[in-house]
N, C-alpha and C. Protein backbone atom coordinates (compact mmCIF):
# COMPACT_ATOMS: atom_id res chain seq x y z
N MET A 1 0.82 -1.19 0.00
CA MET A 1 0.00 0.00 0.00
C MET A 1 0.86 1.25 0.00
N GLY A 2 2.06 1.21 0.52
CA GLY A 2 2.94 2.35 0.51
C GLY A 2 2.71 3.34 1.64
N THR A 3 1.96 2.93 2.65
CA THR A 3 1.67 3.83 3.76
C THR A 3 2.85 3.87 4.72
N GLN A 4 3.20 5.06 5.16
CA GLN A 4 4.27 5.24 6.14
C GLN A 4 3.70 6.02 7.32
N TYR A 5 4.27 5.76 8.49
CA TYR A 5 3.79 6.44 9.69
C TYR A 5 4.87 7.35 10.24
N VAL A 6 4.44 8.45 10.84
CA VAL A 6 5.32 9.35 11.58
C VAL A 6 5.09 9.00 13.05
N THR A 7 6.18 8.85 13.77
CA THR A 7 6.06 8.49 15.18
C THR A 7 6.73 9.54 16.05
N ASP A 8 6.31 9.57 17.31
CA ASP A 8 6.95 10.49 18.24
C ASP A 8 8.15 9.79 18.87
N ASP A 9 8.76 10.42 19.86
CA ASP A 9 9.97 9.87 20.48
C ASP A 9 9.73 8.54 21.18
N THR A 10 8.47 8.27 21.54
CA THR A 10 8.17 7.01 22.24
C THR A 10 7.75 5.91 21.28
N GLY A 11 7.67 6.22 19.98
CA GLY A 11 7.26 5.23 18.99
C GLY A 11 5.77 5.23 18.71
N LYS A 12 5.02 6.12 19.35
CA LYS A 12 3.58 6.22 19.12
C LYS A 12 3.33 6.88 17.76
N LYS A 13 2.45 6.25 16.96
CA LYS A 13 2.11 6.80 15.65
C LYS A 13 1.35 8.11 15.85
N THR A 14 1.80 9.15 15.16
CA THR A 14 1.16 10.47 15.28
C THR A 14 0.60 10.99 13.96
N ALA A 15 1.04 10.42 12.85
CA ALA A 15 0.57 10.86 11.54
C ALA A 15 0.82 9.74 10.54
N VAL A 16 0.25 9.91 9.37
CA VAL A 16 0.42 8.91 8.33
C VAL A 16 0.80 9.61 7.02
N LEU A 17 1.66 8.98 6.27
CA LEU A 17 2.05 9.45 4.94
C LEU A 17 1.55 8.40 3.95
N LEU A 18 0.88 8.84 2.90
CA LEU A 18 0.41 7.91 1.89
C LEU A 18 0.51 8.55 0.52
N PRO A 19 0.52 7.73 -0.52
CA PRO A 19 0.64 8.28 -1.87
C PRO A 19 -0.50 9.25 -2.18
N ILE A 20 -0.20 10.30 -2.94
CA ILE A 20 -1.19 11.33 -3.25
C ILE A 20 -2.40 10.75 -3.95
N GLU A 21 -2.21 9.74 -4.79
CA GLU A 21 -3.34 9.12 -5.49
C GLU A 21 -4.31 8.49 -4.49
N GLN A 22 -3.76 7.84 -3.49
CA GLN A 22 -4.60 7.22 -2.46
C GLN A 22 -5.32 8.31 -1.64
N TYR A 23 -4.62 9.37 -1.33
CA TYR A 23 -5.21 10.49 -0.60
C TYR A 23 -6.37 11.10 -1.39
N GLU A 24 -6.18 11.29 -2.68
CA GLU A 24 -7.23 11.87 -3.52
C GLU A 24 -8.44 10.95 -3.61
N ARG A 25 -8.20 9.62 -3.69
CA ARG A 25 -9.32 8.67 -3.70
C ARG A 25 -10.09 8.74 -2.38
N LEU A 26 -9.37 8.87 -1.28
CA LEU A 26 -10.04 8.98 0.02
C LEU A 26 -10.88 10.25 0.10
N LEU A 27 -10.37 11.36 -0.45
CA LEU A 27 -11.15 12.60 -0.47
C LEU A 27 -12.42 12.44 -1.31
N GLU A 28 -12.31 11.76 -2.45
CA GLU A 28 -13.47 11.51 -3.29
C GLU A 28 -14.50 10.66 -2.55
N ASP A 29 -14.03 9.61 -1.89
CA ASP A 29 -14.92 8.76 -1.11
C ASP A 29 -15.62 9.54 -0.01
N LEU A 30 -14.88 10.41 0.65
CA LEU A 30 -15.44 11.23 1.71
C LEU A 30 -16.52 12.18 1.16
N ALA A 31 -16.27 12.77 0.00
CA ALA A 31 -17.25 13.65 -0.64
C ALA A 31 -18.50 12.86 -1.02
N ASP A 32 -18.31 11.64 -1.55
CA ASP A 32 -19.46 10.80 -1.90
C ASP A 32 -20.29 10.47 -0.66
N LEU A 33 -19.63 10.11 0.42
CA LEU A 33 -20.34 9.77 1.65
C LEU A 33 -21.09 10.99 2.21
N ALA A 34 -20.50 12.16 2.10
CA ALA A 34 -21.16 13.38 2.56
C ALA A 34 -22.42 13.65 1.73
N ALA A 35 -22.34 13.45 0.42
CA ALA A 35 -23.50 13.65 -0.44
C ALA A 35 -24.60 12.66 -0.09
N ILE A 36 -24.23 11.42 0.16
CA ILE A 36 -25.22 10.41 0.55
C ILE A 36 -25.89 10.80 1.86
N ALA A 37 -25.09 11.24 2.82
CA ALA A 37 -25.64 11.62 4.13
C ALA A 37 -26.60 12.81 3.99
N GLU A 38 -26.26 13.77 3.15
CA GLU A 38 -27.12 14.94 2.95
C GLU A 38 -28.45 14.57 2.31
N ARG A 39 -28.45 13.52 1.51
CA ARG A 39 -29.65 13.17 0.74
C ARG A 39 -30.43 12.00 1.34
N ARG A 40 -30.02 11.51 2.48
CA ARG A 40 -30.63 10.29 3.02
C ARG A 40 -32.11 10.42 3.32
N ASN A 41 -32.61 11.62 3.54
CA ASN A 41 -34.03 11.79 3.84
C ASN A 41 -34.87 12.17 2.62
N GLU A 42 -34.24 12.22 1.46
CA GLU A 42 -34.98 12.53 0.24
C GLU A 42 -35.85 11.34 -0.14
N PRO A 43 -36.99 11.60 -0.75
CA PRO A 43 -37.83 10.46 -1.19
C PRO A 43 -37.13 9.69 -2.30
N THR A 44 -37.41 8.41 -2.37
CA THR A 44 -36.81 7.56 -3.40
C THR A 44 -37.75 7.45 -4.59
N ILE A 45 -37.17 7.12 -5.75
CA ILE A 45 -37.97 6.86 -6.95
C ILE A 45 -37.50 5.54 -7.54
N SER A 46 -38.33 4.95 -8.37
CA SER A 46 -37.99 3.67 -8.97
C SER A 46 -36.92 3.87 -10.05
N HIS A 47 -36.30 2.79 -10.42
CA HIS A 47 -35.29 2.82 -11.49
C HIS A 47 -35.92 3.33 -12.78
N GLU A 48 -37.12 2.84 -13.07
CA GLU A 48 -37.81 3.25 -14.29
C GLU A 48 -38.07 4.76 -14.29
N GLU A 49 -38.49 5.30 -13.15
CA GLU A 49 -38.71 6.74 -13.07
C GLU A 49 -37.42 7.51 -13.29
N MET A 50 -36.33 7.00 -12.76
CA MET A 50 -35.04 7.66 -12.93
C MET A 50 -34.60 7.65 -14.38
N VAL A 51 -34.77 6.52 -15.05
CA VAL A 51 -34.42 6.42 -16.47
C VAL A 51 -35.25 7.41 -17.28
N GLU A 52 -36.55 7.49 -17.02
CA GLU A 52 -37.40 8.43 -17.74
C GLU A 52 -36.97 9.88 -17.48
N GLU A 53 -36.61 10.19 -16.26
CA GLU A 53 -36.15 11.54 -15.93
C GLU A 53 -34.86 11.88 -16.69
N LEU A 54 -33.93 10.92 -16.74
CA LEU A 54 -32.68 11.15 -17.47
C LEU A 54 -32.93 11.33 -18.96
N LYS A 55 -33.86 10.55 -19.50
CA LYS A 55 -34.22 10.72 -20.92
C LYS A 55 -34.84 12.09 -21.14
N ARG A 56 -35.73 12.49 -20.27
CA ARG A 56 -36.41 13.79 -20.38
C ARG A 56 -35.39 14.93 -20.32
N ASP A 57 -34.35 14.76 -19.49
CA ASP A 57 -33.34 15.78 -19.35
C ASP A 57 -32.26 15.71 -20.45
N GLY A 58 -32.39 14.74 -21.34
CA GLY A 58 -31.43 14.60 -22.43
C GLY A 58 -30.12 13.95 -22.04
N LEU A 59 -30.08 13.31 -20.87
CA LEU A 59 -28.86 12.68 -20.42
C LEU A 59 -28.77 11.21 -20.85
N LEU A 60 -29.89 10.66 -21.31
CA LEU A 60 -29.94 9.32 -21.91
C LEU A 60 -30.67 9.44 -23.22
N PRO A 61 -30.29 8.60 -24.20
CA PRO A 61 -31.03 8.64 -25.48
C PRO A 61 -32.47 8.20 -25.26
N ALA A 62 -33.38 8.86 -25.96
CA ALA A 62 -34.80 8.55 -25.83
C ALA A 62 -35.18 7.28 -26.54
């Protein structure tokens, strides 16, 4: 994984170093989870309704 830890004088882990690509993926995941949490109380619609809405909005071919 390439993760490295920063430790204090006693050997206790105090920070982590990781590849920037992994850090960016974690930020994306965090943003996705935040969006899900914000929308958790929204009403749900069926798959068919969603497809029709996307077609109506021009995001899927009709």
